[in-house]
Amino acid sequence: MSAREELTPQMADYEKKFTDGGEVRWLPYLMYFHPAEHRSPVVNTDASGFRYSERGGVRYSVADHAGIHSARVLAGSSTVFGIGASADRWTLSSRLSENDRRGTPWLNFGGRSFNSTQELILFTLYRHLLPKVEEIVLFSGFNNLGLARQPSQNRLEHGAFFNCNQFFDAFRPEPAGRRRGLSLFGRGDVEEPVEPPPSLDAQIDYAADLTLRHLDVWRALAADLGAKLTFVLQPLAGWIRPKGSAQEEALFAELDRAGRFSDVYGDILTRDVCNAYAAKLSDGASKLGVKFINITPFIAEALKPDQWLFVDRIHFTDQGHDFVSKLILDVI
């Protein structure tokens, strides 16, 4: 039995319909989103594809929140969606709801594999479904940085997105005999020359600029709603500590053998990159008048050496979600 099968059996459920290798639900404007009305012991979604939050045995979502007159919104990508949680009640939004003494429930506005453009579009498309919004926490930042190394023809004006090669290839004339290869970004031509990635500093600058541009729109939306807005830079395992718990190290080693995450993102997994990226985001958010929090040092200070937090380098365990939710509530 593999480490993932033994330690994180719930990940098999995500692999079916909630990864790029599973059944992707293609949508206009957003490119893709979660399957609607999905039911399983691990993941449940509403009629629009949003994951349910749960508090005290009662579940609610963006499109299914009868009786809730006001809410707090947690927005972001797959970490917000809750990849890694063994059930809906263990996602960040659910743990925030359980641990927040103010009593107002948190809605899960996460979109798996979304960049900041998609996160923003998702909110504008589904804002009309929301009750009164008291607060928005944008728990995000990594995907823009991870995608900043994509070729310029993929990034264009609004940033690259996962599966972008598959999208662009679909609209490009295809010569006979052309071979394609799979990657984290969809299908790509393995025979065409590849543009070298930008320098690390250029990637950080690009990701920060894109994130802040969209944060300014979130600021305007939050002001219109009368909601408090906070941007929390999501953590990575390598940003928190150089060596994880025994469980984390076993999982990371197995994932590395599969040749995915560290191969693609290896140079941005260090604390120095976190500090540089966070500094640019903090400066920009301050100029916008938006509260910014780099949650990484708070986690690093509170985490015990043997404490298991991650199922992979970016997604949390059940107890990891609960642990981080309490820290978020402490700092926002």
C-alpha atoms as a PDB file:
ATOM      1  CA  MET A   1       0.000   0.000   0.000  1.00  0.00           C
ATOM      2  CA  SER A   2       1.340   3.423  -0.925  1.00  0.00           C
ATOM      3  CA  ALA A   3       1.785   6.246   1.581  1.00  0.00           C
ATOM      4  CA  ARG A   4      -1.082   8.165  -0.005  1.00  0.00           C
ATOM      5  CA  GLU A   5      -3.415   5.167   0.138  1.00  0.00           C
ATOM      6  CA  GLU A   6      -2.526   4.498   3.761  1.00  0.00           C
ATOM      7  CA  LEU A   7      -2.366   8.058   5.120  1.00  0.00           C
ATOM      8  CA  THR A   8      -4.815   9.940   2.886  1.00  0.00           C
ATOM      9  CA  PRO A   9      -7.368   7.486   1.426  1.00  0.00           C
ATOM     10  CA  GLN A  10      -9.792  10.385   0.842  1.00  0.00           C
ATOM     11  CA  MET A  11      -7.557  11.655  -1.979  1.00  0.00           C
ATOM     12  CA  ALA A  12      -8.860   8.850  -4.216  1.00  0.00           C
ATOM     13  CA  ASP A  13     -12.267  10.541  -4.133  1.00  0.00           C
ATOM     14  CA  TYR A  14     -10.787  13.849  -5.277  1.00  0.00           C
ATOM     15  CA  GLU A  15      -8.904  12.182  -8.118  1.00  0.00           C
ATOM     16  CA  LYS A  16     -12.146  11.128  -9.815  1.00  0.00           C
ATOM     17  CA  LYS A  17     -13.703  14.531 -10.508  1.00  0.00           C
ATOM     18  CA  PHE A  18     -11.691  17.170  -8.679  1.00  0.00           C
ATOM     19  CA  THR A  19      -8.288  17.047 -10.376  1.00  0.00           C
ATOM     20  CA  ASP A  20      -7.124  17.927 -13.874  1.00  0.00           C
ATOM     21  CA  GLY A  21      -6.679  14.217 -14.528  1.00  0.00           C
ATOM     22  CA  GLY A  22     -10.282  13.441 -13.630  1.00  0.00           C
ATOM     23  CA  GLU A  23     -13.564  14.382 -15.262  1.00  0.00           C
ATOM     24  CA  VAL A  24     -13.251  18.115 -15.906  1.00  0.00           C
ATOM     25  CA  ARG A  25     -16.499  20.104 -16.095  1.00  0.00           C
ATOM     26  CA  TRP A  26     -15.877  22.753 -18.759  1.00  0.00           C
ATOM     27  CA  LEU A  27     -17.816  26.020 -18.422  1.00  0.00           C
ATOM     28  CA  PRO A  28     -18.018  29.333 -20.290  1.00  0.00           C
ATOM     29  CA  TYR A  29     -16.187  32.319 -18.744  1.00  0.00           C
ATOM     30  CA  LEU A  30     -14.630  30.303 -15.901  1.00  0.00           C
ATOM     31  CA  MET A  31     -13.039  27.643 -18.174  1.00  0.00           C
ATOM     32  CA  TYR A  32     -13.918  24.895 -15.668  1.00  0.00           C
ATOM     33  CA  PHE A  33     -15.571  24.359 -12.290  1.00  0.00           C
ATOM     34  CA  HIS A  34     -16.546  21.550  -9.943  1.00  0.00           C
ATOM     35  CA  PRO A  35     -19.268  19.065 -10.870  1.00  0.00           C
ATOM     36  CA  ALA A  36     -22.701  20.220  -9.724  1.00  0.00           C
ATOM     37  CA  GLU A  37     -24.730  18.263  -7.171  1.00  0.00           C
ATOM     38  CA  HIS A  38     -21.896  15.813  -6.571  1.00  0.00           C
ATOM     39  CA  ARG A  39     -22.506  13.445  -3.682  1.00  0.00           C
ATOM     40  CA  SER A  40     -19.987  11.319  -1.813  1.00  0.00           C
ATOM     41  CA  PRO A  41     -18.844  10.758   1.783  1.00  0.00           C
ATOM     42  CA  VAL A  42     -15.904  13.100   1.065  1.00  0.00           C
ATOM     43  CA  VAL A  43     -17.187  15.906  -1.206  1.00  0.00           C
ATOM     44  CA  ASN A  44     -20.655  17.341  -1.755  1.00  0.00           C
ATOM     45  CA  THR A  45     -21.498  20.271  -4.025  1.00  0.00           C
ATOM     46  CA  ASP A  46     -24.611  22.336  -4.662  1.00  0.00           C
ATOM     47  CA  ALA A  47     -26.481  22.972  -7.915  1.00  0.00           C
ATOM     48  CA  SER A  48     -23.816  25.444  -9.049  1.00  0.00           C
ATOM     49  CA  GLY A  49     -20.796  23.349  -8.040  1.00  0.00           C
ATOM     50  CA  PHE A  50     -19.854  25.072  -4.773  1.00  0.00           C
ATOM     51  CA  ARG A  51     -18.806  22.836  -1.905  1.00  0.00           C
ATOM     52  CA  TYR A  52     -20.957  22.709   1.192  1.00  0.00           C
ATOM     53  CA  SER A  53     -19.772  24.064   4.511  1.00  0.00           C
ATOM     54  CA  GLU A  54     -21.023  22.434   7.684  1.00  0.00           C
ATOM     55  CA  ARG A  55     -21.569  23.623  11.241  1.00  0.00           C
ATOM     56  CA  GLY A  56     -23.253  21.679  13.996  1.00  0.00           C
ATOM     57  CA  GLY A  57     -24.512  19.100  11.521  1.00  0.00           C
ATOM     58  CA  VAL A  58     -26.205  21.747   9.343  1.00  0.00           C
ATOM     59  CA  ARG A  59     -24.812  22.249   5.858  1.00  0.00           C
ATOM     60  CA  TYR A  60     -25.060  25.290   3.602  1.00  0.00           C
ATOM     61  CA  SER A  61     -23.442  26.633   0.460  1.00  0.00           C
ATOM     62  CA  VAL A  62     -23.370  29.576  -1.923  1.00  0.00           C
ATOM     63  CA  ALA A  63     -26.434  28.302  -3.814  1.00  0.00           C
ATOM     64  CA  ASP A  64     -28.135  26.539  -0.894  1.00  0.00           C
ATOM     65  CA  HIS A  65     -28.364  28.602   2.287  1.00  0.00           C
ATOM     66  CA  ALA A  66     -32.048  28.852   3.183  1.00  0.00           C
ATOM     67  CA  GLY A  67     -32.590  30.570   6.509  1.00  0.00           C
ATOM     68  CA  ILE A  68     -29.183  32.272   6.556  1.00  0.00           C
ATOM     69  CA  HIS A  69     -29.575  36.051   6.451  1.00  0.00           C
ATOM     70  CA  SER A  70     -25.887  36.973   6.537  1.00  0.00           C
ATOM     71  CA  ALA A  71     -22.613  35.165   5.989  1.00  0.00           C
ATOM     72  CA  ARG A  72     -18.865  35.471   5.763  1.00  0.00           C
ATOM     73  CA  VAL A  73     -17.144  34.410   2.553  1.00  0.00           C
ATOM     74  CA  LEU A  74     -13.895  32.480   2.216  1.00  0.00           C
ATOM     75  CA  ALA A  75     -12.640  32.795  -1.370  1.00  0.00           C
ATOM     76  CA  GLY A  76      -9.652  31.296  -3.131  1.00  0.00           C
ATOM     77  CA  SER A  77      -8.581  28.187  -4.982  1.00  0.00           C
ATOM     78  CA  SER A  78      -8.200  24.495  -4.125  1.00  0.00           C
ATOM     79  CA  THR A  79      -7.036  25.014  -0.546  1.00  0.00           C
ATOM     80  CA  VAL A  80     -10.231  26.946   0.129  1.00  0.00           C
ATOM     81  CA  PHE A  81     -12.278  24.348  -1.755  1.00  0.00           C
ATOM     82  CA  GLY A  82     -10.814  21.833   0.668  1.00  0.00           C
ATOM     83  CA  ILE A  83      -8.716  19.346  -1.283  1.00  0.00           C
ATOM     84  CA  GLY A  84      -7.370  17.008   1.397  1.00  0.00           C
ATOM     85  CA  ALA A  85     -10.326  17.183   3.779  1.00  0.00           C
ATOM     86  CA  SER A  86     -11.863  13.789   4.517  1.00  0.00           C
ATOM     87  CA  ALA A  87     -15.367  15.304   4.594  1.00  0.00           C
ATOM     88  CA  ASP A  88     -17.085  18.652   4.067  1.00  0.00           C
ATOM     89  CA  ARG A  89     -17.068  19.382   7.788  1.00  0.00           C
ATOM     90  CA  TRP A  90     -13.240  19.497   7.741  1.00  0.00           C
ATOM     91  CA  THR A  91     -12.713  22.221   5.136  1.00  0.00           C
ATOM     92  CA  LEU A  92     -11.402  25.643   6.136  1.00  0.00           C
ATOM     93  CA  SER A  93     -14.818  27.272   5.763  1.00  0.00           C
ATOM     94  CA  SER A  94     -16.430  24.607   7.947  1.00  0.00           C
ATOM     95  CA  ARG A  95     -13.759  24.909  10.617  1.00  0.00           C
ATOM     96  CA  LEU A  96     -14.021  28.703  10.527  1.00  0.00           C
ATOM     97  CA  SER A  97     -17.768  28.347  11.048  1.00  0.00           C
ATOM     98  CA  GLU A  98     -17.291  25.989  13.987  1.00  0.00           C
ATOM     99  CA  ASN A  99     -14.513  28.019  15.617  1.00  0.00           C
ATOM    100  CA  ASP A 100     -15.809  31.555  15.009  1.00  0.00           C
ATOM    101  CA  ARG A 101     -17.503  32.772  18.193  1.00  0.00           C
ATOM    102  CA  ARG A 102     -19.326  35.508  16.277  1.00  0.00           C
ATOM    103  CA  GLY A 103     -21.685  32.818  14.986  1.00  0.00           C
ATOM    104  CA  THR A 104     -22.087  33.941  11.377  1.00  0.00           C
ATOM    105  CA  PRO A 105     -21.451  31.000   9.002  1.00  0.00           C
ATOM    106  CA  TRP A 106     -18.652  30.984   6.432  1.00  0.00           C
ATOM    107  CA  LEU A 107     -19.467  30.086   2.819  1.00  0.00           C
ATOM    108  CA  ASN A 108     -16.980  28.162   0.673  1.00  0.00           C
ATOM    109  CA  PHE A 109     -16.242  30.250  -2.435  1.00  0.00           C
ATOM    110  CA  GLY A 110     -13.213  28.179  -3.486  1.00  0.00           C
ATOM    111  CA  GLY A 111     -12.550  27.179  -7.086  1.00  0.00           C
ATOM    112  CA  ARG A 112     -10.126  24.314  -7.614  1.00  0.00           C
ATOM    113  CA  SER A 113      -7.046  25.240  -9.708  1.00  0.00           C
ATOM    114  CA  PHE A 114      -8.199  28.840 -10.128  1.00  0.00           C
ATOM    115  CA  ASN A 115      -5.904  31.799 -10.644  1.00  0.00           C
ATOM    116  CA  SER A 116      -6.835  35.249  -9.338  1.00  0.00           C
ATOM    117  CA  THR A 117      -8.676  36.115 -12.557  1.00  0.00           C
ATOM    118  CA  GLN A 118     -10.928  33.080 -12.208  1.00  0.00           C
ATOM    119  CA  GLU A 119     -11.450  33.672  -8.486  1.00  0.00           C
ATOM    120  CA  LEU A 120     -12.659  37.184  -9.267  1.00  0.00           C
ATOM    121  CA  ILE A 121     -14.879  36.126 -12.182  1.00  0.00           C
ATOM    122  CA  LEU A 122     -16.416  33.393 -10.014  1.00  0.00           C
ATOM    123  CA  PHE A 123     -17.419  35.960  -7.416  1.00  0.00           C
ATOM    124  CA  THR A 124     -18.904  38.369  -9.947  1.00  0.00           C
ATOM    125  CA  LEU A 125     -20.914  35.585 -11.607  1.00  0.00           C
ATOM    126  CA  TYR A 126     -22.393  34.214  -8.379  1.00  0.00           C
ATOM    127  CA  ARG A 127     -22.522  37.242  -6.107  1.00  0.00           C
ATOM    128  CA  HIS A 128     -26.277  37.459  -6.687  1.00  0.00           C
ATOM    129  CA  LEU A 129     -26.785  34.164  -4.831  1.00  0.00           C
ATOM    130  CA  LEU A 130     -25.265  35.429  -1.603  1.00  0.00           C
ATOM    131  CA  PRO A 131     -27.073  36.658   1.487  1.00  0.00           C
ATOM    132  CA  LYS A 132     -25.750  39.817   3.145  1.00  0.00           C
ATOM    133  CA  VAL A 133     -21.946  39.508   3.234  1.00  0.00           C
ATOM    134  CA  GLU A 134     -20.303  40.711   6.429  1.00  0.00           C
ATOM    135  CA  GLU A 135     -16.721  39.758   5.631  1.00  0.00           C
ATOM    136  CA  ILE A 136     -14.578  38.393   2.805  1.00  0.00           C
ATOM    137  CA  VAL A 137     -11.297  36.591   3.387  1.00  0.00           C
ATOM    138  CA  LEU A 138      -9.341  35.949   0.216  1.00  0.00           C
ATOM    139  CA  PHE A 139      -7.052  33.010   1.038  1.00  0.00           C
ATOM    140  CA  SER A 140      -4.970  32.885  -2.103  1.00  0.00           C
ATOM    141  CA  GLY A 141      -1.743  33.827  -3.871  1.00  0.00           C
ATOM    142  CA  PHE A 142       0.086  30.633  -4.767  1.00  0.00           C
ATOM    143  CA  ASN A 143      -1.429  29.781  -8.141  1.00  0.00           C
ATOM    144  CA  ASN A 144      -0.524  33.145  -9.647  1.00  0.00           C
ATOM    145  CA  LEU A 145       3.066  32.580  -8.564  1.00  0.00           C
ATOM    146  CA  GLY A 146       3.102  28.993  -9.785  1.00  0.00           C
ATOM    147  CA  LEU A 147       1.715  30.011 -13.178  1.00  0.00           C
ATOM    148  CA  ALA A 148       4.034  33.009 -13.613  1.00  0.00           C
ATOM    149  CA  ARG A 149       6.654  30.744 -15.231  1.00  0.00           C
ATOM    150  CA  GLN A 150       4.352  29.908 -18.118  1.00  0.00           C
ATOM    151  CA  PRO A 151       5.360  31.206 -21.583  1.00  0.00           C
ATOM    152  CA  SER A 152       4.294  34.751 -22.409  1.00  0.00           C
ATOM    153  CA  GLN A 153       1.860  33.506 -25.074  1.00  0.00           C
ATOM    154  CA  ASN A 154      -0.005  31.652 -22.307  1.00  0.00           C
ATOM    155  CA  ARG A 155       0.107  34.436 -19.718  1.00  0.00           C
ATOM    156  CA  LEU A 156      -1.057  37.262 -22.003  1.00  0.00           C
ATOM    157  CA  GLU A 157      -2.752  40.130 -20.107  1.00  0.00           C
ATOM    158  CA  HIS A 158      -4.672  38.255 -17.440  1.00  0.00           C
ATOM    159  CA  GLY A 159      -2.403  35.387 -16.404  1.00  0.00           C
ATOM    160  CA  ALA A 160      -1.994  31.770 -17.414  1.00  0.00           C
ATOM    161  CA  PHE A 161      -4.412  29.182 -16.099  1.00  0.00           C
ATOM    162  CA  PHE A 162      -4.286  25.448 -15.507  1.00  0.00           C
ATOM    163  CA  ASN A 163      -5.187  23.472 -18.643  1.00  0.00           C
ATOM    164  CA  CYS A 164      -4.205  26.505 -20.735  1.00  0.00           C
ATOM    165  CA  ASN A 165      -2.170  24.408 -23.189  1.00  0.00           C
ATOM    166  CA  GLN A 166      -5.207  22.238 -23.826  1.00  0.00           C
ATOM    167  CA  PHE A 167      -7.302  25.356 -24.434  1.00  0.00           C
ATOM    168  CA  PHE A 168      -4.857  27.042 -26.809  1.00  0.00           C
ATOM    169  CA  ASP A 169      -4.146  23.799 -28.687  1.00  0.00           C
ATOM    170  CA  ALA A 170      -7.863  23.357 -29.350  1.00  0.00           C
ATOM    171  CA  PHE A 171      -7.891  26.576 -31.382  1.00  0.00           C
ATOM    172  CA  ARG A 172      -4.549  26.121 -33.119  1.00  0.00           C
ATOM    173  CA  PRO A 173      -4.183  24.379 -36.492  1.00  0.00           C
ATOM    174  CA  GLU A 174      -2.645  20.974 -35.895  1.00  0.00           C
ATOM    175  CA  PRO A 175      -0.205  19.616 -38.475  1.00  0.00           C
ATOM    176  CA  ALA A 176      -0.425  15.915 -39.241  1.00  0.00           C
ATOM    177  CA  GLY A 177       1.742  13.728 -37.065  1.00  0.00           C
ATOM    178  CA  ARG A 178       2.078  16.226 -34.268  1.00  0.00           C
ATOM    179  CA  ARG A 179       2.711  14.688 -30.852  1.00  0.00           C
ATOM    180  CA  ARG A 180       1.291  16.044 -27.645  1.00  0.00           C
ATOM    181  CA  GLY A 181       2.253  15.475 -24.037  1.00  0.00           C
ATOM    182  CA  LEU A 182       0.368  15.905 -20.791  1.00  0.00           C
ATOM    183  CA  SER A 183       1.425  18.280 -18.047  1.00  0.00           C
ATOM    184  CA  LEU A 184      -0.019  20.104 -15.077  1.00  0.00           C
ATOM    185  CA  PHE A 185      -1.321  22.645 -17.540  1.00  0.00           C
ATOM    186  CA  GLY A 186      -3.177  20.282 -19.888  1.00  0.00           C
ATOM    187  CA  ARG A 187      -1.953  19.127 -23.246  1.00  0.00           C
ATOM    188  CA  GLY A 188       1.148  20.643 -24.730  1.00  0.00           C
ATOM    189  CA  ASP A 189       3.233  20.119 -27.844  1.00  0.00           C
ATOM    190  CA  VAL A 190       6.419  18.325 -26.836  1.00  0.00           C
ATOM    191  CA  GLU A 191       8.187  18.989 -30.137  1.00  0.00           C
ATOM    192  CA  GLU A 192       7.929  22.779 -30.335  1.00  0.00           C
ATOM    193  CA  PRO A 193      10.765  24.787 -28.738  1.00  0.00           C
ATOM    194  CA  VAL A 194       9.903  25.866 -25.216  1.00  0.00           C
ATOM    195  CA  GLU A 195      10.335  29.477 -24.112  1.00  0.00           C
ATOM    196  CA  PRO A 196      12.609  29.570 -21.044  1.00  0.00           C
ATOM    197  CA  PRO A 197      10.815  30.666 -17.889  1.00  0.00           C
ATOM    198  CA  PRO A 198      11.295  34.219 -16.612  1.00  0.00           C
ATOM    199  CA  SER A 199      13.812  34.826 -13.840  1.00  0.00           C
ATOM    200  CA  LEU A 200      12.611  34.120 -10.316  1.00  0.00           C
ATOM    201  CA  ASP A 201      12.464  37.841  -9.535  1.00  0.00           C
ATOM    202  CA  ALA A 202      10.409  38.437 -12.683  1.00  0.00           C
ATOM    203  CA  GLN A 203       8.000  35.655 -11.708  1.00  0.00           C
ATOM    204  CA  ILE A 204       7.500  37.166  -8.256  1.00  0.00           C
ATOM    205  CA  ASP A 205       6.968  40.647  -9.721  1.00  0.00           C
ATOM    206  CA  TYR A 206       4.484  39.376 -12.304  1.00  0.00           C
ATOM    207  CA  ALA A 207       2.481  37.315  -9.795  1.00  0.00           C
ATOM    208  CA  ALA A 208       2.371  40.140  -7.262  1.00  0.00           C
ATOM    209  CA  ASP A 209       1.268  42.713  -9.848  1.00  0.00           C
ATOM    210  CA  LEU A 210      -1.503  40.441 -11.154  1.00  0.00           C
ATOM    211  CA  THR A 211      -2.703  39.572  -7.662  1.00  0.00           C
ATOM    212  CA  LEU A 212      -2.787  43.214  -6.588  1.00  0.00           C
ATOM    213  CA  ARG A 213      -4.595  44.302  -9.740  1.00  0.00           C
ATOM    214  CA  HIS A 214      -7.390  41.884  -8.946  1.00  0.00           C
ATOM    215  CA  LEU A 215      -7.275  42.674  -5.228  1.00  0.00           C
ATOM    216  CA  ASP A 216      -8.159  46.257  -6.130  1.00  0.00           C
ATOM    217  CA  VAL A 217     -11.364  44.986  -7.766  1.00  0.00           C
ATOM    218  CA  TRP A 218     -12.124  42.841  -4.711  1.00  0.00           C
ATOM    219  CA  ARG A 219     -11.671  46.025  -2.660  1.00  0.00           C
ATOM    220  CA  ALA A 220     -14.303  47.809  -4.745  1.00  0.00           C
ATOM    221  CA  LEU A 221     -16.707  44.860  -4.531  1.00  0.00           C
ATOM    222  CA  ALA A 222     -16.270  44.555  -0.770  1.00  0.00           C
ATOM    223  CA  ALA A 223     -16.871  48.279  -0.329  1.00  0.00           C
ATOM    224  CA  ASP A 224     -20.062  48.021  -2.376  1.00  0.00           C
ATOM    225  CA  LEU A 225     -21.230  45.137  -0.189  1.00  0.00           C
ATOM    226  CA  GLY A 226     -20.243  46.888   3.021  1.00  0.00           C
ATOM    227  CA  ALA A 227     -18.011  43.919   3.840  1.00  0.00           C
ATOM    228  CA  LYS A 228     -14.634  43.789   5.537  1.00  0.00           C
ATOM    229  CA  LEU A 229     -11.893  42.453   3.210  1.00  0.00           C
ATOM    230  CA  THR A 230      -8.683  40.668   4.196  1.00  0.00           C
ATOM    231  CA  PHE A 231      -6.116  39.037   1.915  1.00  0.00           C
ATOM    232  CA  VAL A 232      -4.328  36.056   3.475  1.00  0.00           C
ATOM    233  CA  LEU A 233      -1.345  34.673   1.563  1.00  0.00           C
ATOM    234  CA  GLN A 234      -1.813  30.921   1.622  1.00  0.00           C
ATOM    235  CA  PRO A 235       1.111  28.840   2.922  1.00  0.00           C
ATOM    236  CA  LEU A 236       3.215  26.103   1.379  1.00  0.00           C
ATOM    237  CA  ALA A 237       4.877  23.334   3.358  1.00  0.00           C
ATOM    238  CA  GLY A 238       8.370  24.487   2.353  1.00  0.00           C
ATOM    239  CA  TRP A 239       7.612  28.058   3.327  1.00  0.00           C
ATOM    240  CA  ILE A 240       6.765  26.953   6.868  1.00  0.00           C
ATOM    241  CA  ARG A 241       9.625  24.572   7.639  1.00  0.00           C
ATOM    242  CA  PRO A 242      12.425  22.824   5.736  1.00  0.00           C
ATOM    243  CA  LYS A 243      11.371  19.356   6.909  1.00  0.00           C
ATOM    244  CA  GLY A 244       7.852  18.186   7.593  1.00  0.00           C
ATOM    245  CA  SER A 245       6.401  15.610   9.937  1.00  0.00           C
ATOM    246  CA  ALA A 246       7.066  11.926   9.298  1.00  0.00           C
ATOM    247  CA  GLN A 247       3.749  11.596   7.478  1.00  0.00           C
ATOM    248  CA  GLU A 248       4.417  14.663   5.331  1.00  0.00           C
ATOM    249  CA  GLU A 249       7.876  13.504   4.334  1.00  0.00           C
ATOM    250  CA  ALA A 250       6.515  10.102   3.287  1.00  0.00           C
ATOM    251  CA  LEU A 251       3.777  11.739   1.206  1.00  0.00           C
ATOM    252  CA  PHE A 252       6.117  14.309  -0.355  1.00  0.00           C
ATOM    253  CA  ALA A 253       8.619  11.613  -1.326  1.00  0.00           C
ATOM    254  CA  GLU A 254       5.907   9.582  -3.016  1.00  0.00           C
ATOM    255  CA  LEU A 255       4.606  12.631  -4.889  1.00  0.00           C
ATOM    256  CA  ASP A 256       8.146  13.517  -5.967  1.00  0.00           C
ATOM    257  CA  ARG A 257       8.596  10.048  -7.410  1.00  0.00           C
ATOM    258  CA  ALA A 258       5.476  10.682  -9.468  1.00  0.00           C
ATOM    259  CA  GLY A 259       7.312  13.705 -10.836  1.00  0.00           C
ATOM    260  CA  ARG A 260       4.771  16.452 -10.412  1.00  0.00           C
ATOM    261  CA  PHE A 261       4.735  19.262  -7.871  1.00  0.00           C
ATOM    262  CA  SER A 262       8.399  19.719  -6.954  1.00  0.00           C
ATOM    263  CA  ASP A 263       9.531  19.249 -10.554  1.00  0.00           C
ATOM    264  CA  VAL A 264       7.351  22.123 -11.690  1.00  0.00           C
ATOM    265  CA  TYR A 265       7.565  24.430  -8.674  1.00  0.00           C
ATOM    266  CA  GLY A 266      10.867  23.508  -7.028  1.00  0.00           C
ATOM    267  CA  ASP A 267      12.468  26.952  -7.141  1.00  0.00           C
ATOM    268  CA  ILE A 268       9.541  28.738  -5.477  1.00  0.00           C
ATOM    269  CA  LEU A 269       9.164  26.375  -2.529  1.00  0.00           C
ATOM    270  CA  THR A 270      11.702  28.176  -0.304  1.00  0.00           C
ATOM    271  CA  ARG A 271      11.060  30.604   2.532  1.00  0.00           C
ATOM    272  CA  ASP A 272      13.095  33.318   0.779  1.00  0.00           C
ATOM    273  CA  VAL A 273      10.584  33.314  -2.081  1.00  0.00           C
ATOM    274  CA  CYS A 274       7.707  33.480   0.388  1.00  0.00           C
ATOM    275  CA  ASN A 275       9.271  36.495   2.094  1.00  0.00           C
ATOM    276  CA  ALA A 276       9.937  38.329  -1.173  1.00  0.00           C
ATOM    277  CA  TYR A 277       6.457  37.637  -2.529  1.00  0.00           C
ATOM    278  CA  ALA A 278       4.769  38.530   0.757  1.00  0.00           C
ATOM    279  CA  ALA A 279       6.696  41.809   0.973  1.00  0.00           C
ATOM    280  CA  LYS A 280       5.471  42.929  -2.448  1.00  0.00           C
ATOM    281  CA  LEU A 281       1.899  41.894  -1.703  1.00  0.00           C
ATOM    282  CA  SER A 282       1.973  43.578   1.699  1.00  0.00           C
ATOM    283  CA  ASP A 283       3.252  46.850   0.242  1.00  0.00           C
ATOM    284  CA  GLY A 284       0.676  46.817  -2.554  1.00  0.00           C
ATOM    285  CA  ALA A 285      -2.222  45.870  -0.282  1.00  0.00           C
ATOM    286  CA  SER A 286      -1.285  48.666   2.111  1.00  0.00           C
ATOM    287  CA  LYS A 287      -1.488  51.194  -0.729  1.00  0.00           C
ATOM    288  CA  LEU A 288      -4.954  49.834  -1.577  1.00  0.00           C
ATOM    289  CA  GLY A 289      -6.079  50.054   2.027  1.00  0.00           C
ATOM    290  CA  VAL A 290      -6.615  46.286   2.252  1.00  0.00           C
ATOM    291  CA  LYS A 291      -5.470  44.284   5.261  1.00  0.00           C
ATOM    292  CA  PHE A 292      -2.788  41.744   4.279  1.00  0.00           C
ATOM    293  CA  ILE A 293      -1.659  38.765   6.318  1.00  0.00           C
ATOM    294  CA  ASN A 294       1.176  36.385   5.567  1.00  0.00           C
ATOM    295  CA  ILE A 295      -0.089  33.410   7.558  1.00  0.00           C
ATOM    296  CA  THR A 296       3.144  31.414   7.117  1.00  0.00           C
ATOM    297  CA  PRO A 297       5.118  32.838  10.080  1.00  0.00           C
ATOM    298  CA  PHE A 298       2.111  32.433  12.365  1.00  0.00           C
ATOM    299  CA  ILE A 299       1.871  28.761  11.409  1.00  0.00           C
ATOM    300  CA  ALA A 300       5.630  28.259  11.733  1.00  0.00           C
ATOM    301  CA  GLU A 301       5.608  29.694  15.240  1.00  0.00           C
ATOM    302  CA  ALA A 302       2.628  27.667  16.460  1.00  0.00           C
ATOM    303  CA  LEU A 303       3.365  24.350  14.726  1.00  0.00           C
ATOM    304  CA  LYS A 304       4.948  21.509  16.696  1.00  0.00           C
ATOM    305  CA  PRO A 305       7.854  19.652  15.006  1.00  0.00           C
ATOM    306  CA  ASP A 306       5.924  16.385  14.735  1.00  0.00           C
ATOM    307  CA  GLN A 307       2.554  17.955  13.867  1.00  0.00           C
ATOM    308  CA  TRP A 308       1.039  16.696  10.605  1.00  0.00           C
ATOM    309  CA  LEU A 309      -0.417  19.598   8.630  1.00  0.00           C
ATOM    310  CA  PHE A 310      -0.278  18.789   4.894  1.00  0.00           C
ATOM    311  CA  VAL A 311      -1.517  15.975   2.638  1.00  0.00           C
ATOM    312  CA  ASP A 312       0.739  17.434  -0.075  1.00  0.00           C
ATOM    313  CA  ARG A 313       2.784  20.623  -0.226  1.00  0.00           C
ATOM    314  CA  ILE A 314      -0.236  22.931  -0.425  1.00  0.00           C
ATOM    315  CA  HIS A 315      -3.365  21.148   0.893  1.00  0.00           C
ATOM    316  CA  PHE A 316      -4.191  20.439   4.530  1.00  0.00           C
ATOM    317  CA  THR A 317      -5.202  17.435   6.596  1.00  0.00           C
ATOM    318  CA  ASP A 318      -8.424  17.573   8.621  1.00  0.00           C
ATOM    319  CA  GLN A 319      -6.576  18.706  11.721  1.00  0.00           C
ATOM    320  CA  GLY A 320      -4.509  21.029   9.563  1.00  0.00           C
ATOM    321  CA  HIS A 321      -7.652  22.784   8.375  1.00  0.00           C
ATOM    322  CA  ASP A 322      -8.832  23.143  11.969  1.00  0.00           C
ATOM    323  CA  PHE A 323      -5.432  24.389  13.151  1.00  0.00           C
ATOM    324  CA  VAL A 324      -5.114  26.988  10.386  1.00  0.00           C
ATOM    325  CA  SER A 325      -8.727  28.150  10.767  1.00  0.00           C
ATOM    326  CA  LYS A 326      -8.051  29.088  14.387  1.00  0.00           C
ATOM    327  CA  LEU A 327      -4.950  31.039  13.383  1.00  0.00           C
ATOM    328  CA  ILE A 328      -6.916  32.870  10.691  1.00  0.00           C
ATOM    329  CA  LEU A 329      -9.542  33.893  13.234  1.00  0.00           C
ATOM    330  CA  ASP A 330      -6.797  35.106  15.575  1.00  0.00           C
ATOM    331  CA  VAL A 331      -5.199  37.401  12.983  1.00  0.00           C
ATOM    332  CA  ILE A 332      -8.094  38.790  10.935  1.00  0.00           C
END
